[in-house]
Amino acid sequence: MNRRLMQMFSKQFGQIPKFYASNEQPIVLRNEKSGYYVNPEAVARRMIKVISLHDDVKNPSAITLQSTWNDIGLSDMAYVEVMVEVEREFEIEFPDADVECFRTVNDAVEYVARSFFAV
């Protein structure tokens, strides 16, 4: 912000906000070099946790970013259920065409990390 805007904002509101919304999460701008809106490592941890909680997963501790859905032990129906849970976790909605393109856990992590609306 330029100095004049900061002064005007300070006079009107008392301080310059550093946080957005009531949950006090900082405003995160897209990293132009990486293209991520959300930290991919945090997305990976949360997504693996959601996937590992599904009943059809054979070995939850063996899930990696390179794991395919067949390696994890998910049928087509279980895969859809997991994707719905991932949508709930990150408060986004995947277009059907994009969900069909996810071959590994990393594909889904990359999609969420680059999504503007993911939380």
PDB file of N, CA and C in Angstrom:
ATOM      1  N   MET A   1       0.838  -1.178   0.000  1.00  0.00           N
ATOM      2  CA  MET A   1       0.000   0.000   0.000  1.00  0.00           C
ATOM      3  C   MET A   1       0.882   1.240   0.000  1.00  0.00           C
ATOM      4  N   ASN A   2       0.428   2.235  -0.693  1.00  0.00           N
ATOM      5  CA  ASN A   2       1.223   3.449  -0.640  1.00  0.00           C
ATOM      6  C   ASN A   2       0.927   4.190   0.669  1.00  0.00           C
ATOM      7  N   ARG A   3       1.783   5.119   0.990  1.00  0.00           N
ATOM      8  CA  ARG A   3       1.728   5.800   2.288  1.00  0.00           C
ATOM      9  C   ARG A   3       0.405   6.541   2.493  1.00  0.00           C
ATOM     10  N   ARG A   4      -0.095   7.210   1.458  1.00  0.00           N
ATOM     11  CA  ARG A   4      -1.329   7.987   1.589  1.00  0.00           C
ATOM     12  C   ARG A   4      -2.515   7.077   1.902  1.00  0.00           C
ATOM     13  N   LEU A   5      -2.614   5.957   1.215  1.00  0.00           N
ATOM     14  CA  LEU A   5      -3.701   5.014   1.492  1.00  0.00           C
ATOM     15  C   LEU A   5      -3.601   4.466   2.910  1.00  0.00           C
ATOM     16  N   MET A   6      -2.387   4.190   3.347  1.00  0.00           N
ATOM     17  CA  MET A   6      -2.205   3.666   4.703  1.00  0.00           C
ATOM     18  C   MET A   6      -2.659   4.686   5.741  1.00  0.00           C
ATOM     19  N   GLN A   7      -2.341   5.963   5.509  1.00  0.00           N
ATOM     20  CA  GLN A   7      -2.741   7.001   6.450  1.00  0.00           C
ATOM     21  C   GLN A   7      -4.264   7.141   6.477  1.00  0.00           C
ATOM     22  N   MET A   8      -4.885   7.145   5.304  1.00  0.00           N
ATOM     23  CA  MET A   8      -6.344   7.260   5.231  1.00  0.00           C
ATOM     24  C   MET A   8      -7.011   6.071   5.923  1.00  0.00           C
ATOM     25  N   PHE A   9      -6.488   4.890   5.673  1.00  0.00           N
ATOM     26  CA  PHE A   9      -7.047   3.688   6.266  1.00  0.00           C
ATOM     27  C   PHE A   9      -6.896   3.703   7.775  1.00  0.00           C
ATOM     28  N   SER A  10      -5.733   4.143   8.248  1.00  0.00           N
ATOM     29  CA  SER A  10      -5.476   4.195   9.685  1.00  0.00           C
ATOM     30  C   SER A  10      -6.412   5.168  10.385  1.00  0.00           C
ATOM     31  N   LYS A  11      -6.666   6.310   9.768  1.00  0.00           N
ATOM     32  CA  LYS A  11      -7.549   7.297  10.367  1.00  0.00           C
ATOM     33  C   LYS A  11      -8.980   6.780  10.452  1.00  0.00           C
ATOM     34  N   GLN A  12      -9.399   6.111   9.398  1.00  0.00           N
ATOM     35  CA  GLN A  12     -10.790   5.669   9.356  1.00  0.00           C
ATOM     36  C   GLN A  12     -11.040   4.447  10.239  1.00  0.00           C
ATOM     37  N   PHE A  13     -10.130   3.506  10.242  1.00  0.00           N
ATOM     38  CA  PHE A  13     -10.371   2.254  10.945  1.00  0.00           C
ATOM     39  C   PHE A  13      -9.493   2.046  12.171  1.00  0.00           C
ATOM     40  N   GLY A  14      -8.564   2.929  12.415  1.00  0.00           N
ATOM     41  CA  GLY A  14      -7.741   2.819  13.605  1.00  0.00           C
ATOM     42  C   GLY A  14      -6.473   2.018  13.408  1.00  0.00           C
ATOM     43  N   GLN A  15      -6.491   1.073  12.501  1.00  0.00           N
ATOM     44  CA  GLN A  15      -5.291   0.285  12.229  1.00  0.00           C
ATOM     45  C   GLN A  15      -5.418  -0.361  10.860  1.00  0.00           C
ATOM     46  N   ILE A  16      -4.316  -0.811  10.349  1.00  0.00           N
ATOM     47  CA  ILE A  16      -4.311  -1.497   9.063  1.00  0.00           C
ATOM     48  C   ILE A  16      -4.512  -2.978   9.345  1.00  0.00           C
ATOM     49  N   PRO A  17      -5.542  -3.591   8.773  1.00  0.00           N
ATOM     50  CA  PRO A  17      -5.797  -4.997   9.070  1.00  0.00           C
ATOM     51  C   PRO A  17      -4.702  -5.893   8.512  1.00  0.00           C
ATOM     52  N   LYS A  18      -4.313  -6.867   9.324  1.00  0.00           N
ATOM     53  CA  LYS A  18      -3.325  -7.844   8.884  1.00  0.00           C
ATOM     54  C   LYS A  18      -3.985  -9.187   8.634  1.00  0.00           C
ATOM     55  N   PHE A  19      -5.219  -9.322   9.053  1.00  0.00           N
ATOM     56  CA  PHE A  19      -5.907 -10.581   8.912  1.00  0.00           C
ATOM     57  C   PHE A  19      -7.230 -10.375   8.204  1.00  0.00           C
ATOM     58  N   TYR A  20      -7.717 -11.432   7.608  1.00  0.00           N
ATOM     59  CA  TYR A  20      -8.940 -11.384   6.822  1.00  0.00           C
ATOM     60  C   TYR A  20      -9.991 -12.268   7.476  1.00  0.00           C
ATOM     61  N   ALA A  21     -11.185 -11.776   7.607  1.00  0.00           N
ATOM     62  CA  ALA A  21     -12.331 -12.527   8.112  1.00  0.00           C
ATOM     63  C   ALA A  21     -12.200 -12.800   9.604  1.00  0.00           C
ATOM     64  N   SER A  22     -13.202 -13.483  10.140  1.00  0.00           N
ATOM     65  CA  SER A  22     -13.267 -13.678  11.581  1.00  0.00           C
ATOM     66  C   SER A  22     -12.331 -14.765  12.091  1.00  0.00           C
ATOM     67  N   ASN A  23     -11.879 -15.662  11.221  1.00  0.00           N
ATOM     68  CA  ASN A  23     -11.011 -16.739  11.695  1.00  0.00           C
ATOM     69  C   ASN A  23      -9.546 -16.310  11.762  1.00  0.00           C
ATOM     70  N   GLU A  24      -9.266 -15.049  11.491  1.00  0.00           N
ATOM     71  CA  GLU A  24      -7.942 -14.454  11.620  1.00  0.00           C
ATOM     72  C   GLU A  24      -6.865 -15.167  10.821  1.00  0.00           C
ATOM     73  N   GLN A  25      -7.205 -15.641   9.629  1.00  0.00           N
ATOM     74  CA  GLN A  25      -6.203 -16.215   8.755  1.00  0.00           C
ATOM     75  C   GLN A  25      -5.602 -15.095   7.920  1.00  0.00           C
ATOM     76  N   PRO A  26      -4.296 -15.105   7.758  1.00  0.00           N
ATOM     77  CA  PRO A  26      -3.689 -14.041   6.964  1.00  0.00           C
ATOM     78  C   PRO A  26      -4.129 -14.117   5.507  1.00  0.00           C
ATOM     79  N   ILE A  27      -4.140 -12.965   4.859  1.00  0.00           N
ATOM     80  CA  ILE A  27      -4.451 -12.933   3.439  1.00  0.00           C
ATOM     81  C   ILE A  27      -3.268 -13.543   2.713  1.00  0.00           C
ATOM     82  N   VAL A  28      -3.517 -14.553   1.903  1.00  0.00           N
ATOM     83  CA  VAL A  28      -2.448 -15.240   1.200  1.00  0.00           C
ATOM     84  C   VAL A  28      -2.569 -14.933  -0.281  1.00  0.00           C
ATOM     85  N   LEU A  29      -1.527 -14.354  -0.829  1.00  0.00           N
ATOM     86  CA  LEU A  29      -1.494 -14.080  -2.246  1.00  0.00           C
ATOM     87  C   LEU A  29      -0.836 -15.239  -2.968  1.00  0.00           C
ATOM     88  N   ARG A  30      -1.159 -15.389  -4.211  1.00  0.00           N
ATOM     89  CA  ARG A  30      -0.584 -16.472  -5.003  1.00  0.00           C
ATOM     90  C   ARG A  30       0.897 -16.222  -5.206  1.00  0.00           C
ATOM     91  N   ASN A  31       1.677 -17.254  -4.992  1.00  0.00           N
ATOM     92  CA  ASN A  31       3.096 -17.184  -5.243  1.00  0.00           C
ATOM     93  C   ASN A  31       3.285 -17.274  -6.752  1.00  0.00           C
ATOM     94  N   GLU A  32       3.759 -16.214  -7.366  1.00  0.00           N
ATOM     95  CA  GLU A  32       3.852 -16.163  -8.823  1.00  0.00           C
ATOM     96  C   GLU A  32       4.833 -17.191  -9.387  1.00  0.00           C
ATOM     97  N   LYS A  33       5.869 -17.517  -8.642  1.00  0.00           N
ATOM     98  CA  LYS A  33       6.843 -18.482  -9.154  1.00  0.00           C
ATOM     99  C   LYS A  33       6.289 -19.903  -9.123  1.00  0.00           C
ATOM    100  N   SER A  34       5.675 -20.281  -8.014  1.00  0.00           N
ATOM    101  CA  SER A  34       5.194 -21.656  -7.893  1.00  0.00           C
ATOM    102  C   SER A  34       3.764 -21.809  -8.383  1.00  0.00           C
ATOM    103  N   GLY A  35       2.969 -20.740  -8.322  1.00  0.00           N
ATOM    104  CA  GLY A  35       1.578 -20.807  -8.740  1.00  0.00           C
ATOM    105  C   GLY A  35       0.644 -21.318  -7.661  1.00  0.00           C
ATOM    106  N   TYR A  36       1.147 -21.488  -6.435  1.00  0.00           N
ATOM    107  CA  TYR A  36       0.332 -22.035  -5.355  1.00  0.00           C
ATOM    108  C   TYR A  36      -0.361 -20.940  -4.564  1.00  0.00           C
ATOM    109  N   TYR A  37      -1.599 -21.204  -4.194  1.00  0.00           N
ATOM    110  CA  TYR A  37      -2.311 -20.344  -3.258  1.00  0.00           C
ATOM    111  C   TYR A  37      -2.215 -20.915  -1.843  1.00  0.00           C
ATOM    112  N   VAL A  38      -2.106 -22.234  -1.737  1.00  0.00           N
ATOM    113  CA  VAL A  38      -2.054 -22.926  -0.460  1.00  0.00           C
ATOM    114  C   VAL A  38      -0.752 -23.723  -0.418  1.00  0.00           C
ATOM    115  N   ASN A  39      -0.166 -23.844   0.751  1.00  0.00           N
ATOM    116  CA  ASN A  39       1.071 -24.594   0.907  1.00  0.00           C
ATOM    117  C   ASN A  39       0.840 -26.056   0.531  1.00  0.00           C
ATOM    118  N   PRO A  40       1.541 -26.572  -0.495  1.00  0.00           N
ATOM    119  CA  PRO A  40       1.313 -27.953  -0.932  1.00  0.00           C
ATOM    120  C   PRO A  40       1.641 -29.006   0.129  1.00  0.00           C
ATOM    121  N   GLU A  41       2.589 -28.718   1.007  1.00  0.00           N
ATOM    122  CA  GLU A  41       2.924 -29.684   2.059  1.00  0.00           C
ATOM    123  C   GLU A  41       1.773 -29.829   3.044  1.00  0.00           C
ATOM    124  N   ALA A  42       1.146 -28.705   3.394  1.00  0.00           N
ATOM    125  CA  ALA A  42      -0.005 -28.752   4.298  1.00  0.00           C
ATOM    126  C   ALA A  42      -1.179 -29.454   3.630  1.00  0.00           C
ATOM    127  N   VAL A  43      -1.376 -29.184   2.349  1.00  0.00           N
ATOM    128  CA  VAL A  43      -2.451 -29.855   1.598  1.00  0.00           C
ATOM    129  C   VAL A  43      -2.201 -31.355   1.577  1.00  0.00           C
ATOM    130  N   ALA A  44      -0.959 -31.760   1.336  1.00  0.00           N
ATOM    131  CA  ALA A  44      -0.627 -33.190   1.268  1.00  0.00           C
ATOM    132  C   ALA A  44      -0.913 -33.879   2.601  1.00  0.00           C
ATOM    133  N   ARG A  45      -0.509 -33.247   3.714  1.00  0.00           N
ATOM    134  CA  ARG A  45      -0.761 -33.851   5.032  1.00  0.00           C
ATOM    135  C   ARG A  45      -2.254 -34.035   5.269  1.00  0.00           C
ATOM    136  N   ARG A  46      -3.027 -32.990   5.008  1.00  0.00           N
ATOM    137  CA  ARG A  46      -4.470 -33.062   5.249  1.00  0.00           C
ATOM    138  C   ARG A  46      -5.144 -34.065   4.318  1.00  0.00           C
ATOM    139  N   MET A  47      -4.723 -34.096   3.062  1.00  0.00           N
ATOM    140  CA  MET A  47      -5.348 -35.010   2.108  1.00  0.00           C
ATOM    141  C   MET A  47      -5.028 -36.462   2.448  1.00  0.00           C
ATOM    142  N   ILE A  48      -3.788 -36.744   2.786  1.00  0.00           N
ATOM    143  CA  ILE A  48      -3.420 -38.115   3.160  1.00  0.00           C
ATOM    144  C   ILE A  48      -4.190 -38.547   4.400  1.00  0.00           C
ATOM    145  N   LYS A  49      -4.396 -37.631   5.331  1.00  0.00           N
ATOM    146  CA  LYS A  49      -5.182 -37.951   6.524  1.00  0.00           C
ATOM    147  C   LYS A  49      -6.616 -38.320   6.152  1.00  0.00           C
ATOM    148  N   VAL A  50      -7.227 -37.518   5.270  1.00  0.00           N
ATOM    149  CA  VAL A  50      -8.602 -37.792   4.843  1.00  0.00           C
ATOM    150  C   VAL A  50      -8.675 -39.134   4.124  1.00  0.00           C
ATOM    151  N   ILE A  51      -7.729 -39.393   3.237  1.00  0.00           N
ATOM    152  CA  ILE A  51      -7.723 -40.653   2.485  1.00  0.00           C
ATOM    153  C   ILE A  51      -7.537 -41.831   3.430  1.00  0.00           C
ATOM    154  N   SER A  52      -6.629 -41.707   4.380  1.00  0.00           N
ATOM    155  CA  SER A  52      -6.321 -42.828   5.276  1.00  0.00           C
ATOM    156  C   SER A  52      -7.492 -43.200   6.180  1.00  0.00           C
ATOM    157  N   LEU A  53      -8.430 -42.272   6.393  1.00  0.00           N
ATOM    158  CA  LEU A  53      -9.580 -42.555   7.252  1.00  0.00           C
ATOM    159  C   LEU A  53     -10.683 -43.343   6.559  1.00  0.00           C
ATOM    160  N   HIS A  54     -10.573 -43.527   5.243  1.00  0.00           N
ATOM    161  CA  HIS A  54     -11.599 -44.275   4.521  1.00  0.00           C
ATOM    162  C   HIS A  54     -11.476 -45.770   4.821  1.00  0.00           C
ATOM    163  N   ASP A  55     -12.619 -46.439   4.904  1.00  0.00           N
ATOM    164  CA  ASP A  55     -12.653 -47.859   5.280  1.00  0.00           C
ATOM    165  C   ASP A  55     -11.966 -48.780   4.274  1.00  0.00           C
ATOM    166  N   ASP A  56     -11.965 -48.432   2.990  1.00  0.00           N
ATOM    167  CA  ASP A  56     -11.416 -49.319   1.960  1.00  0.00           C
ATOM    168  C   ASP A  56      -9.899 -49.226   1.798  1.00  0.00           C
ATOM    169  N   VAL A  57      -9.265 -48.322   2.496  1.00  0.00           N
ATOM    170  CA  VAL A  57      -7.814 -48.161   2.360  1.00  0.00           C
ATOM    171  C   VAL A  57      -7.127 -49.358   3.019  1.00  0.00           C
ATOM    172  N   LYS A  58      -6.250 -50.019   2.242  1.00  0.00           N
ATOM    173  CA  LYS A  58      -5.588 -51.236   2.721  1.00  0.00           C
ATOM    174  C   LYS A  58      -4.582 -50.954   3.834  1.00  0.00           C
ATOM    175  N   ASN A  59      -3.658 -50.050   3.547  1.00  0.00           N
ATOM    176  CA  ASN A  59      -2.585 -49.754   4.491  1.00  0.00           C
ATOM    177  C   ASN A  59      -2.395 -48.239   4.576  1.00  0.00           C
ATOM    178  N   PRO A  60      -3.070 -47.580   5.506  1.00  0.00           N
ATOM    179  CA  PRO A  60      -3.002 -46.116   5.582  1.00  0.00           C
ATOM    180  C   PRO A  60      -1.593 -45.558   5.752  1.00  0.00           C
ATOM    181  N   SER A  61      -0.727 -46.281   6.413  1.00  0.00           N
ATOM    182  CA  SER A  61       0.626 -45.767   6.641  1.00  0.00           C
ATOM    183  C   SER A  61       1.493 -45.822   5.384  1.00  0.00           C
ATOM    184  N   ALA A  62       1.053 -46.540   4.363  1.00  0.00           N
ATOM    185  CA  ALA A  62       1.832 -46.675   3.132  1.00  0.00           C
ATOM    186  C   ALA A  62       1.448 -45.646   2.066  1.00  0.00           C
ATOM    187  N   ILE A  63       0.519 -44.745   2.381  1.00  0.00           N
ATOM    188  CA  ILE A  63       0.088 -43.758   1.392  1.00  0.00           C
ATOM    189  C   ILE A  63       1.176 -42.707   1.222  1.00  0.00           C
ATOM    190  N   THR A  64       1.575 -42.488  -0.026  1.00  0.00           N
ATOM    191  CA  THR A  64       2.540 -41.450  -0.368  1.00  0.00           C
ATOM    192  C   THR A  64       1.945 -40.583  -1.475  1.00  0.00           C
ATOM    193  N   LEU A  65       2.642 -39.541  -1.824  1.00  0.00           N
ATOM    194  CA  LEU A  65       2.161 -38.681  -2.902  1.00  0.00           C
ATOM    195  C   LEU A  65       2.171 -39.397  -4.251  1.00  0.00           C
ATOM    196  N   GLN A  66       3.033 -40.394  -4.398  1.00  0.00           N
ATOM    197  CA  GLN A  66       3.118 -41.124  -5.656  1.00  0.00           C
ATOM    198  C   GLN A  66       2.141 -42.302  -5.723  1.00  0.00           C
ATOM    199  N   SER A  67       1.409 -42.558  -4.663  1.00  0.00           N
ATOM    200  CA  SER A  67       0.461 -43.677  -4.631  1.00  0.00           C
ATOM    201  C   SER A  67      -0.671 -43.433  -5.617  1.00  0.00           C
ATOM    202  N   THR A  68      -0.996 -44.478  -6.382  1.00  0.00           N
ATOM    203  CA  THR A  68      -2.171 -44.393  -7.245  1.00  0.00           C
ATOM    204  C   THR A  68      -3.372 -44.842  -6.424  1.00  0.00           C
ATOM    205  N   TRP A  69      -4.552 -44.573  -6.942  1.00  0.00           N
ATOM    206  CA  TRP A  69      -5.769 -44.933  -6.204  1.00  0.00           C
ATOM    207  C   TRP A  69      -5.894 -46.448  -6.102  1.00  0.00           C
ATOM    208  N   ASN A  70      -5.412 -47.194  -7.104  1.00  0.00           N
ATOM    209  CA  ASN A  70      -5.425 -48.661  -7.034  1.00  0.00           C
ATOM    210  C   ASN A  70      -4.435 -49.168  -5.989  1.00  0.00           C
ATOM    211  N   ASP A  71      -3.273 -48.513  -5.885  1.00  0.00           N
ATOM    212  CA  ASP A  71      -2.279 -48.902  -4.868  1.00  0.00           C
ATOM    213  C   ASP A  71      -2.866 -48.764  -3.468  1.00  0.00           C
ATOM    214  N   ILE A  72      -3.655 -47.737  -3.278  1.00  0.00           N
ATOM    215  CA  ILE A  72      -4.262 -47.480  -1.975  1.00  0.00           C
ATOM    216  C   ILE A  72      -5.365 -48.490  -1.679  1.00  0.00           C
ATOM    217  N   GLY A  73      -5.969 -49.036  -2.731  1.00  0.00           N
ATOM    218  CA  GLY A  73      -7.010 -50.040  -2.562  1.00  0.00           C
ATOM    219  C   GLY A  73      -8.415 -49.500  -2.725  1.00  0.00           C
ATOM    220  N   LEU A  74      -8.547 -48.383  -3.426  1.00  0.00           N
ATOM    221  CA  LEU A  74      -9.862 -47.773  -3.593  1.00  0.00           C
ATOM    222  C   LEU A  74     -10.540 -48.256  -4.879  1.00  0.00           C
ATOM    223  N   SER A  75     -11.768 -48.674  -4.726  1.00  0.00           N
ATOM    224  CA  SER A  75     -12.587 -48.980  -5.902  1.00  0.00           C
ATOM    225  C   SER A  75     -13.057 -47.651  -6.487  1.00  0.00           C
ATOM    226  N   ASP A  76     -13.742 -47.722  -7.622  1.00  0.00           N
ATOM    227  CA  ASP A  76     -14.239 -46.488  -8.238  1.00  0.00           C
ATOM    228  C   ASP A  76     -15.204 -45.751  -7.306  1.00  0.00           C
ATOM    229  N   MET A  77     -16.073 -46.489  -6.655  1.00  0.00           N
ATOM    230  CA  MET A  77     -17.046 -45.873  -5.746  1.00  0.00           C
ATOM    231  C   MET A  77     -16.345 -45.285  -4.514  1.00  0.00           C
ATOM    232  N   ALA A  78     -15.378 -46.011  -3.986  1.00  0.00           N
ATOM    233  CA  ALA A  78     -14.627 -45.519  -2.825  1.00  0.00           C
ATOM    234  C   ALA A  78     -13.829 -44.274  -3.191  1.00  0.00           C
ATOM    235  N   TYR A  79     -13.313 -44.235  -4.422  1.00  0.00           N
ATOM    236  CA  TYR A  79     -12.574 -43.063  -4.895  1.00  0.00           C
ATOM    237  C   TYR A  79     -13.482 -41.830  -4.910  1.00  0.00           C
ATOM    238  N   VAL A  80     -14.702 -42.004  -5.391  1.00  0.00           N
ATOM    239  CA  VAL A  80     -15.656 -40.891  -5.405  1.00  0.00           C
ATOM    240  C   VAL A  80     -15.955 -40.440  -3.981  1.00  0.00           C
ATOM    241  N   GLU A  81     -16.140 -41.387  -3.064  1.00  0.00           N
ATOM    242  CA  GLU A  81     -16.398 -41.042  -1.668  1.00  0.00           C
ATOM    243  C   GLU A  81     -15.233 -40.255  -1.065  1.00  0.00           C
ATOM    244  N   VAL A  82     -14.013 -40.672  -1.369  1.00  0.00           N
ATOM    245  CA  VAL A  82     -12.828 -39.983  -0.856  1.00  0.00           C
ATOM    246  C   VAL A  82     -12.755 -38.569  -1.428  1.00  0.00           C
ATOM    247  N   MET A  83     -13.037 -38.421  -2.712  1.00  0.00           N
ATOM    248  CA  MET A  83     -12.989 -37.087  -3.322  1.00  0.00           C
ATOM    249  C   MET A  83     -14.050 -36.155  -2.724  1.00  0.00           C
ATOM    250  N   VAL A  84     -15.201 -36.704  -2.369  1.00  0.00           N
ATOM    251  CA  VAL A  84     -16.232 -35.894  -1.711  1.00  0.00           C
ATOM    252  C   VAL A  84     -15.728 -35.438  -0.344  1.00  0.00           C
ATOM    253  N   GLU A  85     -15.070 -36.321   0.378  1.00  0.00           N
ATOM    254  CA  GLU A  85     -14.510 -35.953   1.687  1.00  0.00           C
ATOM    255  C   GLU A  85     -13.396 -34.911   1.543  1.00  0.00           C
ATOM    256  N   VAL A  86     -12.594 -35.040   0.495  1.00  0.00           N
ATOM    257  CA  VAL A  86     -11.538 -34.052   0.243  1.00  0.00           C
ATOM    258  C   VAL A  86     -12.171 -32.695  -0.076  1.00  0.00           C
ATOM    259  N   GLU A  87     -13.240 -32.697  -0.856  1.00  0.00           N
ATOM    260  CA  GLU A  87     -13.951 -31.452  -1.149  1.00  0.00           C
ATOM    261  C   GLU A  87     -14.461 -30.797   0.131  1.00  0.00           C
ATOM    262  N   ARG A  88     -14.978 -31.602   1.027  1.00  0.00           N
ATOM    263  CA  ARG A  88     -15.456 -31.062   2.311  1.00  0.00           C
ATOM    264  C   ARG A  88     -14.309 -30.514   3.146  1.00  0.00           C
ATOM    265  N   GLU A  89     -13.202 -31.233   3.166  1.00  0.00           N
ATOM    266  CA  GLU A  89     -12.043 -30.818   3.958  1.00  0.00           C
ATOM    267  C   GLU A  89     -11.514 -29.460   3.507  1.00  0.00           C
ATOM    268  N   PHE A  90     -11.438 -29.253   2.200  1.00  0.00           N
ATOM    269  CA  PHE A  90     -10.852 -28.025   1.664  1.00  0.00           C
ATOM    270  C   PHE A  90     -11.899 -27.006   1.218  1.00  0.00           C
ATOM    271  N   GLU A  91     -13.165 -27.344   1.419  1.00  0.00           N
ATOM    272  CA  GLU A  91     -14.275 -26.451   1.083  1.00  0.00           C
ATOM    273  C   GLU A  91     -14.223 -25.971  -0.362  1.00  0.00           C
ATOM    274  N   ILE A  92     -13.973 -26.915  -1.257  1.00  0.00           N
ATOM    275  CA  ILE A  92     -13.997 -26.620  -2.689  1.00  0.00           C
ATOM    276  C   ILE A  92     -14.797 -27.705  -3.387  1.00  0.00           C
ATOM    277  N   GLU A  93     -15.066 -27.510  -4.659  1.00  0.00           N
ATOM    278  CA  GLU A  93     -15.767 -28.520  -5.441  1.00  0.00           C
ATOM    279  C   GLU A  93     -14.960 -28.805  -6.705  1.00  0.00           C
ATOM    280  N   PHE A  94     -14.668 -30.074  -6.916  1.00  0.00           N
ATOM    281  CA  PHE A  94     -13.925 -30.480  -8.104  1.00  0.00           C
ATOM    282  C   PHE A  94     -14.879 -30.649  -9.276  1.00  0.00           C
ATOM    283  N   PRO A  95     -14.556 -30.105 -10.449  1.00  0.00           N
ATOM    284  CA  PRO A  95     -15.328 -30.450 -11.638  1.00  0.00           C
ATOM    285  C   PRO A  95     -15.112 -31.934 -11.971  1.00  0.00           C
ATOM    286  N   ASP A  96     -16.138 -32.602 -12.450  1.00  0.00           N
ATOM    287  CA  ASP A  96     -16.048 -34.038 -12.735  1.00  0.00           C
ATOM    288  C   ASP A  96     -14.902 -34.367 -13.687  1.00  0.00           C
ATOM    289  N   ALA A  97     -14.690 -33.534 -14.686  1.00  0.00           N
ATOM    290  CA  ALA A  97     -13.622 -33.794 -15.655  1.00  0.00           C
ATOM    291  C   ALA A  97     -12.248 -33.771 -14.992  1.00  0.00           C
ATOM    292  N   ASP A  98     -12.072 -32.903 -14.008  1.00  0.00           N
ATOM    293  CA  ASP A  98     -10.780 -32.831 -13.321  1.00  0.00           C
ATOM    294  C   ASP A  98     -10.565 -34.027 -12.409  1.00  0.00           C
ATOM    295  N   VAL A  99     -11.619 -34.460 -11.732  1.00  0.00           N
ATOM    296  CA  VAL A  99     -11.502 -35.613 -10.826  1.00  0.00           C
ATOM    297  C   VAL A  99     -11.103 -36.862 -11.601  1.00  0.00           C
ATOM    298  N   GLU A 100     -11.604 -36.999 -12.808  1.00  0.00           N
ATOM    299  CA  GLU A 100     -11.268 -38.168 -13.630  1.00  0.00           C
ATOM    300  C   GLU A 100      -9.801 -38.171 -14.049  1.00  0.00           C
ATOM    301  N   CYS A 101      -9.150 -37.008 -14.012  1.00  0.00           N
ATOM    302  CA  CYS A 101      -7.745 -36.902 -14.420  1.00  0.00           C
ATOM    303  C   CYS A 101      -6.756 -37.183 -13.296  1.00  0.00           C
ATOM    304  N   PHE A 102      -7.209 -37.223 -12.051  1.00  0.00           N
ATOM    305  CA  PHE A 102      -6.309 -37.482 -10.926  1.00  0.00           C
ATOM    306  C   PHE A 102      -5.886 -38.950 -10.957  1.00  0.00           C
ATOM    307  N   ARG A 103      -4.611 -39.198 -11.226  1.00  0.00           N
ATOM    308  CA  ARG A 103      -4.094 -40.569 -11.255  1.00  0.00           C
ATOM    309  C   ARG A 103      -3.389 -40.936  -9.951  1.00  0.00           C
ATOM    310  N   THR A 104      -2.800 -39.926  -9.300  1.00  0.00           N
ATOM    311  CA  THR A 104      -2.089 -40.167  -8.044  1.00  0.00           C
ATOM    312  C   THR A 104      -2.583 -39.168  -6.992  1.00  0.00           C
ATOM    313  N   VAL A 105      -2.166 -39.389  -5.768  1.00  0.00           N
ATOM    314  CA  VAL A 105      -2.494 -38.471  -4.685  1.00  0.00           C
ATOM    315  C   VAL A 105      -1.900 -37.096  -4.991  1.00  0.00           C
ATOM    316  N   ASN A 106      -0.706 -37.066  -5.558  1.00  0.00           N
ATOM    317  CA  ASN A 106      -0.045 -35.809  -5.873  1.00  0.00           C
ATOM    318  C   ASN A 106      -0.836 -34.986  -6.886  1.00  0.00           C
ATOM    319  N   ASP A 107      -1.491 -35.627  -7.829  1.00  0.00           N
ATOM    320  CA  ASP A 107      -2.317 -34.892  -8.797  1.00  0.00           C
ATOM    321  C   ASP A 107      -3.412 -34.100  -8.071  1.00  0.00           C
ATOM    322  N   ALA A 108      -4.052 -34.726  -7.110  1.00  0.00           N
ATOM    323  CA  ALA A 108      -5.109 -34.061  -6.352  1.00  0.00           C
ATOM    324  C   ALA A 108      -4.525 -32.966  -5.455  1.00  0.00           C
ATOM    325  N   VAL A 109      -3.376 -33.219  -4.857  1.00  0.00           N
ATOM    326  CA  VAL A 109      -2.721 -32.221  -4.003  1.00  0.00           C
ATOM    327  C   VAL A 109      -2.364 -30.981  -4.824  1.00  0.00           C
ATOM    328  N   GLU A 110      -1.796 -31.180  -5.996  1.00  0.00           N
ATOM    329  CA  GLU A 110      -1.434 -30.052  -6.863  1.00  0.00           C
ATOM    330  C   GLU A 110      -2.661 -29.238  -7.244  1.00  0.00           C
ATOM    331  N   TYR A 111      -3.752 -29.920  -7.554  1.00  0.00           N
ATOM    332  CA  TYR A 111      -4.969 -29.222  -7.935  1.00  0.00           C
ATOM    333  C   TYR A 111      -5.483 -28.347  -6.792  1.00  0.00           C
ATOM    334  N   VAL A 112      -5.512 -28.906  -5.589  1.00  0.00           N
ATOM    335  CA  VAL A 112      -6.003 -28.156  -4.437  1.00  0.00           C
ATOM    336  C   VAL A 112      -5.060 -27.002  -4.097  1.00  0.00           C
ATOM    337  N   ALA A 113      -3.768 -27.238  -4.128  1.00  0.00           N
ATOM    338  CA  ALA A 113      -2.793 -26.204  -3.777  1.00  0.00           C
ATOM    339  C   ALA A 113      -2.854 -25.016  -4.747  1.00  0.00           C
ATOM    340  N   ARG A 114      -3.222 -25.277  -5.976  1.00  0.00           N
ATOM    341  CA  ARG A 114      -3.324 -24.208  -6.971  1.00  0.00           C
ATOM    342  C   ARG A 114      -4.715 -23.594  -7.037  1.00  0.00           C
ATOM    343  N   SER A 115      -5.642 -24.115  -6.247  1.00  0.00           N
ATOM    344  CA  SER A 115      -7.012 -23.608  -6.266  1.00  0.00           C
ATOM    345  C   SER A 115      -7.123 -22.356  -5.403  1.00  0.00           C
ATOM    346  N   PHE A 116      -7.701 -21.335  -5.946  1.00  0.00           N
ATOM    347  CA  PHE A 116      -7.851 -20.062  -5.233  1.00  0.00           C
ATOM    348  C   PHE A 116      -8.802 -20.196  -4.048  1.00  0.00           C
ATOM    349  N   PHE A 117      -9.789 -21.067  -4.144  1.00  0.00           N
ATOM    350  CA  PHE A 117     -10.838 -21.135  -3.138  1.00  0.00           C
ATOM    351  C   PHE A 117     -10.580 -22.149  -2.032  1.00  0.00           C
ATOM    352  N   ALA A 118      -9.488 -22.892  -2.096  1.00  0.00           N
ATOM    353  CA  ALA A 118      -9.202 -23.898  -1.074  1.00  0.00           C
ATOM    354  C   ALA A 118      -8.844 -23.221   0.244  1.00  0.00           C
ATOM    355  N   VAL A 119      -9.294 -23.836   1.342  1.00  0.00           N
ATOM    356  CA  VAL A 119      -8.952 -23.311   2.663  1.00  0.00           C
ATOM    357  C   VAL A 119      -8.154 -24.323   3.454  1.00  0.00           C
TER     358      VAL A 119
END
